[in-house]
């Protein structure tokens, strides 16, 4: 019979965003995280996904003294996905240490 192994896993996506709610010109840290506890059998494989983030950044190019119609606009889209693949294997550290001492 294989032994059960309990894991506590934390996933996090963090980034900085422009502050738009105050007069302070400093970035705001945005953070999303998920913490979960799972129980697996020794040797099993686990795949965790779902922490996705889509970003869209708009910027303007050109000289500020030109009318806006003569300046270029740029949009940059990014997508971040976290996928975790785990295989748990129980090891007996005491047996490993004894074997190393005997060698």
PDB file of N, CA and C in Angstrom:
ATOM      1  N   UNK A   1       0.842  -1.189   0.000  1.00  0.00           N
ATOM      2  CA  UNK A   1       0.000   0.000   0.000  1.00  0.00           C
ATOM      3  C   UNK A   1       0.885   1.250   0.000  1.00  0.00           C
ATOM      4  N   UNK A   2       0.574   2.174  -0.868  1.00  0.00           N
ATOM      5  CA  UNK A   2       1.364   3.398  -0.954  1.00  0.00           C
ATOM      6  C   UNK A   2       0.889   4.386   0.106  1.00  0.00           C
ATOM      7  N   UNK A   3       1.861   5.147   0.623  1.00  0.00           N
ATOM      8  CA  UNK A   3       1.536   6.123   1.655  1.00  0.00           C
ATOM      9  C   UNK A   3       0.992   7.399   1.029  1.00  0.00           C
ATOM     10  N   UNK A   4       0.100   8.054   1.737  1.00  0.00           N
ATOM     11  CA  UNK A   4      -0.454   9.329   1.296  1.00  0.00           C
ATOM     12  C   UNK A   4       0.534  10.449   1.625  1.00  0.00           C
ATOM     13  N   UNK A   5       0.612  11.412   0.730  1.00  0.00           N
ATOM     14  CA  UNK A   5       1.483  12.568   0.925  1.00  0.00           C
ATOM     15  C   UNK A   5       0.606  13.813   0.822  1.00  0.00           C
ATOM     16  N   UNK A   6       0.694  14.685   1.815  1.00  0.00           N
ATOM     17  CA  UNK A   6      -0.097  15.923   1.805  1.00  0.00           C
ATOM     18  C   UNK A   6       0.798  17.086   1.406  1.00  0.00           C
ATOM     19  N   UNK A   7       0.332  17.885   0.448  1.00  0.00           N
ATOM     20  CA  UNK A   7       1.083  19.038  -0.045  1.00  0.00           C
ATOM     21  C   UNK A   7       0.262  20.302   0.105  1.00  0.00           C
ATOM     22  N   UNK A   8       0.918  21.380   0.481  1.00  0.00           N
ATOM     23  CA  UNK A   8       0.295  22.698   0.483  1.00  0.00           C
ATOM     24  C   UNK A   8       0.970  23.470  -0.650  1.00  0.00           C
ATOM     25  N   UNK A   9       0.179  23.914  -1.625  1.00  0.00           N
ATOM     26  CA  UNK A   9       0.714  24.543  -2.829  1.00  0.00           C
ATOM     27  C   UNK A   9       0.178  25.964  -2.929  1.00  0.00           C
ATOM     28  N   UNK A  10       1.074  26.922  -3.231  1.00  0.00           N
ATOM     29  CA  UNK A  10       0.674  28.302  -3.436  1.00  0.00           C
ATOM     30  C   UNK A  10       1.096  28.736  -4.831  1.00  0.00           C
ATOM     31  N   UNK A  11       0.147  29.292  -5.585  1.00  0.00           N
ATOM     32  CA  UNK A  11       0.435  29.882  -6.891  1.00  0.00           C
ATOM     33  C   UNK A  11       0.201  31.381  -6.775  1.00  0.00           C
ATOM     34  N   UNK A  12       1.029  32.166  -7.457  1.00  0.00           N
ATOM     35  CA  UNK A  12       0.881  33.620  -7.382  1.00  0.00           C
ATOM     36  C   UNK A  12       1.245  34.263  -8.708  1.00  0.00           C
ATOM     37  N   UNK A  13       0.450  35.249  -9.092  1.00  0.00           N
ATOM     38  CA  UNK A  13       0.775  36.127 -10.212  1.00  0.00           C
ATOM     39  C   UNK A  13       0.781  37.534  -9.647  1.00  0.00           C
ATOM     40  N   UNK A  14       1.889  38.250  -9.845  1.00  0.00           N
ATOM     41  CA  UNK A  14       1.952  39.631  -9.373  1.00  0.00           C
ATOM     42  C   UNK A  14       2.579  40.498 -10.451  1.00  0.00           C
ATOM     43  N   UNK A  15       2.163  41.750 -10.463  1.00  0.00           N
ATOM     44  CA  UNK A  15       2.703  42.698 -11.437  1.00  0.00           C
ATOM     45  C   UNK A  15       2.455  44.110 -10.917  1.00  0.00           C
ATOM     46  N   UNK A  16       3.075  45.062 -11.570  1.00  0.00           N
ATOM     47  CA  UNK A  16       2.888  46.452 -11.209  1.00  0.00           C
ATOM     48  C   UNK A  16       1.977  47.121 -12.240  1.00  0.00           C
ATOM     49  N   UNK A  17       1.097  47.991 -11.749  1.00  0.00           N
ATOM     50  CA  UNK A  17       0.183  48.716 -12.617  1.00  0.00           C
ATOM     51  C   UNK A  17       0.286  50.200 -12.296  1.00  0.00           C
ATOM     52  N   UNK A  18      -0.038  51.015 -13.266  1.00  0.00           N
ATOM     53  CA  UNK A  18      -0.013  52.461 -13.079  1.00  0.00           C
ATOM     54  C   UNK A  18      -1.092  52.864 -12.076  1.00  0.00           C
ATOM     55  N   UNK A  19      -0.726  53.729 -11.138  1.00  0.00           N
ATOM     56  CA  UNK A  19      -1.678  54.221 -10.155  1.00  0.00           C
ATOM     57  C   UNK A  19      -2.562  55.280 -10.798  1.00  0.00           C
ATOM     58  N   UNK A  20      -3.864  55.043 -10.758  1.00  0.00           N
ATOM     59  CA  UNK A  20      -4.799  55.984 -11.372  1.00  0.00           C
ATOM     60  C   UNK A  20      -5.788  56.560 -10.371  1.00  0.00           C
ATOM     61  N   UNK A  21      -5.697  56.152  -9.115  1.00  0.00           N
ATOM     62  CA  UNK A  21      -6.674  56.594  -8.124  1.00  0.00           C
ATOM     63  C   UNK A  21      -6.169  57.701  -7.209  1.00  0.00           C
ATOM     64  N   UNK A  22      -4.906  58.091  -7.365  1.00  0.00           N
ATOM     65  CA  UNK A  22      -4.385  59.157  -6.518  1.00  0.00           C
ATOM     66  C   UNK A  22      -3.413  60.005  -7.321  1.00  0.00           C
ATOM     67  N   UNK A  23      -2.960  61.093  -6.721  1.00  0.00           N
ATOM     68  CA  UNK A  23      -2.025  61.987  -7.381  1.00  0.00           C
ATOM     69  C   UNK A  23      -0.587  61.532  -7.295  1.00  0.00           C
ATOM     70  N   UNK A  24      -0.345  60.443  -6.592  1.00  0.00           N
ATOM     71  CA  UNK A  24       1.014  59.933  -6.436  1.00  0.00           C
ATOM     72  C   UNK A  24       1.389  59.169  -7.703  1.00  0.00           C
ATOM     73  N   UNK A  25       2.538  59.494  -8.253  1.00  0.00           N
ATOM     74  CA  UNK A  25       2.985  58.855  -9.481  1.00  0.00           C
ATOM     75  C   UNK A  25       3.890  57.659  -9.156  1.00  0.00           C
ATOM     76  N   UNK A  26       3.297  56.644  -8.529  1.00  0.00           N
ATOM     77  CA  UNK A  26       4.059  55.438  -8.194  1.00  0.00           C
ATOM     78  C   UNK A  26       3.244  54.222  -8.615  1.00  0.00           C
ATOM     79  N   UNK A  27       3.911  53.127  -8.923  1.00  0.00           N
ATOM     80  CA  UNK A  27       3.177  51.928  -9.355  1.00  0.00           C
ATOM     81  C   UNK A  27       2.459  51.252  -8.189  1.00  0.00           C
ATOM     82  N   UNK A  28       1.418  50.532  -8.520  1.00  0.00           N
ATOM     83  CA  UNK A  28       0.656  49.764  -7.547  1.00  0.00           C
ATOM     84  C   UNK A  28       0.903  48.290  -7.817  1.00  0.00           C
ATOM     85  N   UNK A  29       1.191  47.542  -6.777  1.00  0.00           N
ATOM     86  CA  UNK A  29       1.410  46.106  -6.908  1.00  0.00           C
ATOM     87  C   UNK A  29       0.057  45.407  -6.918  1.00  0.00           C
ATOM     88  N   UNK A  30      -0.202  44.658  -7.976  1.00  0.00           N
ATOM     89  CA  UNK A  30      -1.407  43.837  -8.031  1.00  0.00           C
ATOM     90  C   UNK A  30      -0.971  42.383  -7.878  1.00  0.00           C
ATOM     91  N   UNK A  31      -1.691  41.662  -7.033  1.00  0.00           N
ATOM     92  CA  UNK A  31      -1.287  40.298  -6.731  1.00  0.00           C
ATOM     93  C   UNK A  31      -2.524  39.417  -6.608  1.00  0.00           C
ATOM     94  N   UNK A  32      -2.452  38.260  -7.254  1.00  0.00           N
ATOM     95  CA  UNK A  32      -3.489  37.235  -7.102  1.00  0.00           C
ATOM     96  C   UNK A  32      -2.796  35.957  -6.701  1.00  0.00           C
ATOM     97  N   UNK A  33      -3.364  35.271  -5.717  1.00  0.00           N
ATOM     98  CA  UNK A  33      -2.757  34.021  -5.303  1.00  0.00           C
ATOM     99  C   UNK A  33      -3.820  33.019  -4.896  1.00  0.00           C
ATOM    100  N   UNK A  34      -3.465  31.754  -5.044  1.00  0.00           N
ATOM    101  CA  UNK A  34      -4.331  30.648  -4.668  1.00  0.00           C
ATOM    102  C   UNK A  34      -3.504  29.701  -3.823  1.00  0.00           C
ATOM    103  N   UNK A  35      -4.053  29.291  -2.700  1.00  0.00           N
ATOM    104  CA  UNK A  35      -3.397  28.311  -1.839  1.00  0.00           C
ATOM    105  C   UNK A  35      -4.334  27.112  -1.729  1.00  0.00           C
ATOM    106  N   UNK A  36      -3.787  25.947  -1.950  1.00  0.00           N
ATOM    107  CA  UNK A  36      -4.599  24.732  -1.862  1.00  0.00           C
ATOM    108  C   UNK A  36      -3.799  23.629  -1.188  1.00  0.00           C
ATOM    109  N   UNK A  37      -4.490  22.735  -0.533  1.00  0.00           N
ATOM    110  CA  UNK A  37      -3.866  21.574   0.088  1.00  0.00           C
ATOM    111  C   UNK A  37      -4.429  20.326  -0.579  1.00  0.00           C
ATOM    112  N   UNK A  38      -3.538  19.446  -0.999  1.00  0.00           N
ATOM    113  CA  UNK A  38      -3.977  18.218  -1.662  1.00  0.00           C
ATOM    114  C   UNK A  38      -3.305  17.026  -1.009  1.00  0.00           C
ATOM    115  N   UNK A  39      -3.939  15.874  -1.159  1.00  0.00           N
ATOM    116  CA  UNK A  39      -3.378  14.615  -0.675  1.00  0.00           C
ATOM    117  C   UNK A  39      -3.220  13.699  -1.873  1.00  0.00           C
ATOM    118  N   UNK A  40      -2.002  13.178  -2.036  1.00  0.00           N
ATOM    119  CA  UNK A  40      -1.691  12.322  -3.173  1.00  0.00           C
ATOM    120  C   UNK A  40      -1.035  11.035  -2.688  1.00  0.00           C
ATOM    121  N   UNK A  41      -1.069  10.041  -3.553  1.00  0.00           N
ATOM    122  CA  UNK A  41      -0.326   8.811  -3.286  1.00  0.00           C
ATOM    123  C   UNK A  41       1.102   8.978  -3.773  1.00  0.00           C
ATOM    124  N   UNK A  42       2.011   8.260  -3.144  1.00  0.00           N
ATOM    125  CA  UNK A  42       3.414   8.270  -3.550  1.00  0.00           C
ATOM    126  C   UNK A  42       3.523   7.879  -5.027  1.00  0.00           C
ATOM    127  N   UNK A  43       4.225   8.689  -5.826  1.00  0.00           N
ATOM    128  CA  UNK A  43       4.431   8.404  -7.237  1.00  0.00           C
ATOM    129  C   UNK A  43       3.402   9.013  -8.177  1.00  0.00           C
ATOM    130  N   UNK A  44       2.315   9.557  -7.669  1.00  0.00           N
ATOM    131  CA  UNK A  44       1.282  10.140  -8.533  1.00  0.00           C
ATOM    132  C   UNK A  44       1.751  11.465  -9.132  1.00  0.00           C
ATOM    133  N   UNK A  45       1.138  11.838 -10.253  1.00  0.00           N
ATOM    134  CA  UNK A  45       1.446  13.084 -10.945  1.00  0.00           C
ATOM    135  C   UNK A  45       0.228  13.992 -10.877  1.00  0.00           C
ATOM    136  N   UNK A  46       0.475  15.273 -10.641  1.00  0.00           N
ATOM    137  CA  UNK A  46      -0.584  16.277 -10.534  1.00  0.00           C
ATOM    138  C   UNK A  46      -0.302  17.418 -11.496  1.00  0.00           C
ATOM    139  N   UNK A  47      -1.336  17.880 -12.191  1.00  0.00           N
ATOM    140  CA  UNK A  47      -1.225  19.053 -13.052  1.00  0.00           C
ATOM    141  C   UNK A  47      -2.206  20.092 -12.524  1.00  0.00           C
ATOM    142  N   UNK A  48      -1.697  21.312 -12.272  1.00  0.00           N
ATOM    143  CA  UNK A  48      -2.525  22.411 -11.784  1.00  0.00           C
ATOM    144  C   UNK A  48      -2.411  23.562 -12.776  1.00  0.00           C
ATOM    145  N   UNK A  49      -3.526  24.122 -13.168  1.00  0.00           N
ATOM    146  CA  UNK A  49      -3.533  25.263 -14.072  1.00  0.00           C
ATOM    147  C   UNK A  49      -4.668  26.204 -13.689  1.00  0.00           C
ATOM    148  N   UNK A  50      -4.829  27.239 -14.477  1.00  0.00           N
ATOM    149  CA  UNK A  50      -5.967  28.128 -14.260  1.00  0.00           C
ATOM    150  C   UNK A  50      -5.614  29.514 -13.787  1.00  0.00           C
ATOM    151  N   UNK A  51      -4.375  29.755 -13.375  1.00  0.00           N
ATOM    152  CA  UNK A  51      -3.976  31.102 -12.976  1.00  0.00           C
ATOM    153  C   UNK A  51      -3.510  31.836 -14.233  1.00  0.00           C
ATOM    154  N   UNK A  52      -4.444  32.450 -14.919  1.00  0.00           N
ATOM    155  CA  UNK A  52      -4.152  33.144 -16.170  1.00  0.00           C
ATOM    156  C   UNK A  52      -4.295  34.644 -15.974  1.00  0.00           C
ATOM    157  N   UNK A  53      -3.558  35.394 -16.769  1.00  0.00           N
ATOM    158  CA  UNK A  53      -3.651  36.854 -16.714  1.00  0.00           C
ATOM    159  C   UNK A  53      -3.483  37.402 -18.129  1.00  0.00           C
ATOM    160  N   UNK A  54      -4.403  38.260 -18.522  1.00  0.00           N
ATOM    161  CA  UNK A  54      -4.320  38.954 -19.802  1.00  0.00           C
ATOM    162  C   UNK A  54      -4.094  40.434 -19.521  1.00  0.00           C
ATOM    163  N   UNK A  55      -3.125  41.025 -20.213  1.00  0.00           N
ATOM    164  CA  UNK A  55      -2.813  42.449 -20.034  1.00  0.00           C
ATOM    165  C   UNK A  55      -2.871  43.140 -21.379  1.00  0.00           C
ATOM    166  N   UNK A  56      -3.270  44.394 -21.333  1.00  0.00           N
ATOM    167  CA  UNK A  56      -3.267  45.217 -22.530  1.00  0.00           C
ATOM    168  C   UNK A  56      -2.692  46.577 -22.147  1.00  0.00           C
ATOM    169  N   UNK A  57      -1.613  46.981 -22.815  1.00  0.00           N
ATOM    170  CA  UNK A  57      -0.926  48.230 -22.525  1.00  0.00           C
ATOM    171  C   UNK A  57      -1.054  49.155 -23.728  1.00  0.00           C
ATOM    172  N   UNK A  58      -1.614  50.327 -23.499  1.00  0.00           N
ATOM    173  CA  UNK A  58      -1.775  51.318 -24.563  1.00  0.00           C
ATOM    174  C   UNK A  58      -0.731  52.421 -24.375  1.00  0.00           C
ATOM    175  N   UNK A  59      -0.082  52.825 -25.462  1.00  0.00           N
ATOM    176  CA  UNK A  59       0.891  53.906 -25.393  1.00  0.00           C
ATOM    177  C   UNK A  59       0.798  54.748 -26.655  1.00  0.00           C
ATOM    178  N   UNK A  60       1.313  55.971 -26.544  1.00  0.00           N
ATOM    179  CA  UNK A  60       1.322  56.899 -27.671  1.00  0.00           C
ATOM    180  C   UNK A  60       2.756  57.190 -28.045  1.00  0.00           C
ATOM    181  N   UNK A  61       2.999  57.359 -29.354  1.00  0.00           N
ATOM    182  CA  UNK A  61       4.339  57.658 -29.849  1.00  0.00           C
ATOM    183  C   UNK A  61       4.310  58.982 -30.582  1.00  0.00           C
ATOM    184  N   UNK A  62       5.451  59.638 -30.587  1.00  0.00           N
ATOM    185  CA  UNK A  62       5.564  60.889 -31.329  1.00  0.00           C
ATOM    186  C   UNK A  62       5.822  62.072 -30.409  1.00  0.00           C
ATOM    187  N   UNK A  63       6.038  63.197 -31.009  1.00  0.00           N
ATOM    188  CA  UNK A  63       6.300  64.421 -30.251  1.00  0.00           C
ATOM    189  C   UNK A  63       5.031  64.955 -29.622  1.00  0.00           C
ATOM    190  N   UNK A  64       5.135  65.348 -28.378  1.00  0.00           N
ATOM    191  CA  UNK A  64       3.962  65.847 -27.663  1.00  0.00           C
ATOM    192  C   UNK A  64       3.443  67.155 -28.223  1.00  0.00           C
ATOM    193  N   UNK A  65       4.315  67.912 -28.872  1.00  0.00           N
ATOM    194  CA  UNK A  65       3.858  69.203 -29.393  1.00  0.00           C
ATOM    195  C   UNK A  65       3.033  69.055 -30.678  1.00  0.00           C
ATOM    196  N   UNK A  66       3.062  67.859 -31.289  1.00  0.00           N
ATOM    197  CA  UNK A  66       2.241  67.607 -32.477  1.00  0.00           C
ATOM    198  C   UNK A  66       0.795  67.319 -32.059  1.00  0.00           C
ATOM    199  N   UNK A  67      -0.143  67.637 -32.931  1.00  0.00           N
ATOM    200  CA  UNK A  67      -1.532  67.272 -32.631  1.00  0.00           C
ATOM    201  C   UNK A  67      -1.657  65.752 -32.479  1.00  0.00           C
ATOM    202  N   UNK A  68      -2.599  65.320 -31.666  1.00  0.00           N
ATOM    203  CA  UNK A  68      -2.738  63.887 -31.375  1.00  0.00           C
ATOM    204  C   UNK A  68      -2.997  63.075 -32.642  1.00  0.00           C
ATOM    205  N   UNK A  69      -3.635  63.657 -33.614  1.00  0.00           N
ATOM    206  CA  UNK A  69      -3.932  62.943 -34.851  1.00  0.00           C
ATOM    207  C   UNK A  69      -2.663  62.572 -35.621  1.00  0.00           C
ATOM    208  N   UNK A  70      -1.564  63.293 -35.378  1.00  0.00           N
ATOM    209  CA  UNK A  70      -0.299  63.019 -36.060  1.00  0.00           C
ATOM    210  C   UNK A  70       0.623  62.099 -35.267  1.00  0.00           C
ATOM    211  N   UNK A  71       0.204  61.729 -34.080  1.00  0.00           N
ATOM    212  CA  UNK A  71       1.013  60.825 -33.256  1.00  0.00           C
ATOM    213  C   UNK A  71       0.508  59.388 -33.403  1.00  0.00           C
ATOM    214  N   UNK A  72       1.409  58.456 -33.259  1.00  0.00           N
ATOM    215  CA  UNK A  72       1.030  57.049 -33.373  1.00  0.00           C
ATOM    216  C   UNK A  72       0.561  56.470 -32.049  1.00  0.00           C
ATOM    217  N   UNK A  73      -0.217  55.420 -32.149  1.00  0.00           N
ATOM    218  CA  UNK A  73      -0.688  54.697 -30.970  1.00  0.00           C
ATOM    219  C   UNK A  73      -0.231  53.256 -31.078  1.00  0.00           C
ATOM    220  N   UNK A  74       0.050  52.669 -29.933  1.00  0.00           N
ATOM    221  CA  UNK A  74       0.519  51.292 -29.909  1.00  0.00           C
ATOM    222  C   UNK A  74      -0.216  50.545 -28.806  1.00  0.00           C
ATOM    223  N   UNK A  75      -0.611  49.316 -29.091  1.00  0.00           N
ATOM    224  CA  UNK A  75      -1.230  48.450 -28.104  1.00  0.00           C
ATOM    225  C   UNK A  75      -0.407  47.169 -28.000  1.00  0.00           C
ATOM    226  N   UNK A  76      -0.050  46.827 -26.766  1.00  0.00           N
ATOM    227  CA  UNK A  76       0.728  45.611 -26.520  1.00  0.00           C
ATOM    228  C   UNK A  76      -0.107  44.678 -25.653  1.00  0.00           C
ATOM    229  N   UNK A  77      -0.317  43.470 -26.127  1.00  0.00           N
ATOM    230  CA  UNK A  77      -1.100  42.483 -25.383  1.00  0.00           C
ATOM    231  C   UNK A  77      -0.173  41.355 -24.927  1.00  0.00           C
ATOM    232  N   UNK A  78      -0.301  40.977 -23.658  1.00  0.00           N
ATOM    233  CA  UNK A  78       0.473  39.858 -23.125  1.00  0.00           C
ATOM    234  C   UNK A  78      -0.455  38.898 -22.400  1.00  0.00           C
ATOM    235  N   UNK A  79      -0.085  37.646 -22.414  1.00  0.00           N
ATOM    236  CA  UNK A  79      -0.856  36.613 -21.725  1.00  0.00           C
ATOM    237  C   UNK A  79       0.103  35.793 -20.882  1.00  0.00           C
ATOM    238  N   UNK A  80      -0.225  35.624 -19.613  1.00  0.00           N
ATOM    239  CA  UNK A  80       0.592  34.837 -18.701  1.00  0.00           C
ATOM    240  C   UNK A  80      -0.242  33.665 -18.207  1.00  0.00           C
ATOM    241  N   UNK A  81       0.342  32.476 -18.269  1.00  0.00           N
ATOM    242  CA  UNK A  81      -0.328  31.280 -17.776  1.00  0.00           C
ATOM    243  C   UNK A  81       0.647  30.513 -16.898  1.00  0.00           C
ATOM    244  N   UNK A  82       0.155  30.077 -15.754  1.00  0.00           N
ATOM    245  CA  UNK A  82       0.971  29.253 -14.872  1.00  0.00           C
ATOM    246  C   UNK A  82       0.439  27.828 -14.944  1.00  0.00           C
ATOM    247  N   UNK A  83       1.330  26.911 -15.213  1.00  0.00           N
ATOM    248  CA  UNK A  83       0.992  25.490 -15.247  1.00  0.00           C
ATOM    249  C   UNK A  83       2.022  24.768 -14.384  1.00  0.00           C
ATOM    250  N   UNK A  84       1.544  24.050 -13.396  1.00  0.00           N
ATOM    251  CA  UNK A  84       2.436  23.339 -12.479  1.00  0.00           C
ATOM    252  C   UNK A  84       2.248  21.841 -12.690  1.00  0.00           C
ATOM    253  N   UNK A  85       3.352  21.152 -12.853  1.00  0.00           N
ATOM    254  CA  UNK A  85       3.354  19.699 -13.016  1.00  0.00           C
ATOM    255  C   UNK A  85       4.204  19.124 -11.886  1.00  0.00           C
ATOM    256  N   UNK A  86       3.584  18.315 -11.029  1.00  0.00           N
ATOM    257  CA  UNK A  86       4.283  17.757  -9.870  1.00  0.00           C
ATOM    258  C   UNK A  86       4.195  16.238  -9.863  1.00  0.00           C
ATOM    259  N   UNK A  87       5.295  15.599  -9.530  1.00  0.00           N
ATOM    260  CA  UNK A  87       5.270  14.174  -9.233  1.00  0.00           C
ATOM    261  C   UNK A  87       5.871  14.027  -7.843  1.00  0.00           C
ATOM    262  N   UNK A  88       5.096  13.458  -6.943  1.00  0.00           N
ATOM    263  CA  UNK A  88       5.571  13.314  -5.571  1.00  0.00           C
ATOM    264  C   UNK A  88       6.163  11.919  -5.372  1.00  0.00           C
ATOM    265  N   UNK A  89       7.294  11.889  -4.708  1.00  0.00           N
ATOM    266  CA  UNK A  89       7.961  10.626  -4.370  1.00  0.00           C
ATOM    267  C   UNK A  89       8.471  10.731  -2.944  1.00  0.00           C
ATOM    268  N   UNK A  90       8.016   9.825  -2.120  1.00  0.00           N
ATOM    269  CA  UNK A  90       8.467   9.800  -0.727  1.00  0.00           C
ATOM    270  C   UNK A  90       9.845   9.157  -0.672  1.00  0.00           C
ATOM    271  N   UNK A  91      10.736   9.767   0.072  1.00  0.00           N
ATOM    272  CA  UNK A  91      12.055   9.186   0.303  1.00  0.00           C
ATOM    273  C   UNK A  91      12.253   9.036   1.801  1.00  0.00           C
ATOM    274  N   UNK A  92      12.974   8.053   2.170  1.00  0.00           N
ATOM    275  CA  UNK A  92      13.287   7.841   3.575  1.00  0.00           C
ATOM    276  C   UNK A  92      14.686   8.398   3.812  1.00  0.00           C
ATOM    277  N   UNK A  93      14.737   9.585   4.355  1.00  0.00           N
ATOM    278  CA  UNK A  93      16.020  10.264   4.547  1.00  0.00           C
ATOM    279  C   UNK A  93      16.962   9.498   5.477  1.00  0.00           C
ATOM    280  N   UNK A  94      16.427   8.806   6.456  1.00  0.00           N
ATOM    281  CA  UNK A  94      17.274   8.066   7.390  1.00  0.00           C
ATOM    282  C   UNK A  94      17.985   6.909   6.658  1.00  0.00           C
ATOM    283  N   UNK A  95      17.261   6.208   5.769  1.00  0.00           N
ATOM    284  CA  UNK A  95      17.904   5.122   5.019  1.00  0.00           C
ATOM    285  C   UNK A  95      18.967   5.684   4.073  1.00  0.00           C
ATOM    286  N   UNK A  96      18.683   6.818   3.448  1.00  0.00           N
ATOM    287  CA  UNK A  96      19.643   7.431   2.540  1.00  0.00           C
ATOM    288  C   UNK A  96      20.913   7.853   3.291  1.00  0.00           C
ATOM    289  N   UNK A  97      20.745   8.442   4.475  1.00  0.00           N
ATOM    290  CA  UNK A  97      21.898   8.852   5.265  1.00  0.00           C
ATOM    291  C   UNK A  97      22.730   7.654   5.703  1.00  0.00           C
ATOM    292  N   UNK A  98      22.072   6.577   6.125  1.00  0.00           N
ATOM    293  CA  UNK A  98      22.787   5.372   6.544  1.00  0.00           C
ATOM    294  C   UNK A  98      23.571   4.786   5.390  1.00  0.00           C
ATOM    295  N   UNK A  99      22.977   4.749   4.214  1.00  0.00           N
ATOM    296  CA  UNK A  99      23.653   4.185   3.038  1.00  0.00           C
ATOM    297  C   UNK A  99      24.868   5.023   2.683  1.00  0.00           C
ATOM    298  N   UNK A 100      24.784   6.341   2.804  1.00  0.00           N
ATOM    299  CA  UNK A 100      25.917   7.209   2.496  1.00  0.00           C
ATOM    300  C   UNK A 100      27.042   7.027   3.507  1.00  0.00           C
ATOM    301  N   UNK A 101      26.686   6.826   4.787  1.00  0.00           N
ATOM    302  CA  UNK A 101      27.695   6.653   5.822  1.00  0.00           C
ATOM    303  C   UNK A 101      28.434   5.325   5.634  1.00  0.00           C
ATOM    304  N   UNK A 102      27.737   4.298   5.169  1.00  0.00           N
ATOM    305  CA  UNK A 102      28.343   2.982   4.969  1.00  0.00           C
ATOM    306  C   UNK A 102      29.257   2.976   3.759  1.00  0.00           C
ATOM    307  N   UNK A 103      29.027   3.815   2.799  1.00  0.00           N
ATOM    308  CA  UNK A 103      29.813   3.808   1.545  1.00  0.00           C
ATOM    309  C   UNK A 103      31.175   4.404   1.721  1.00  0.00           C
TER     310      UNK A 103
END
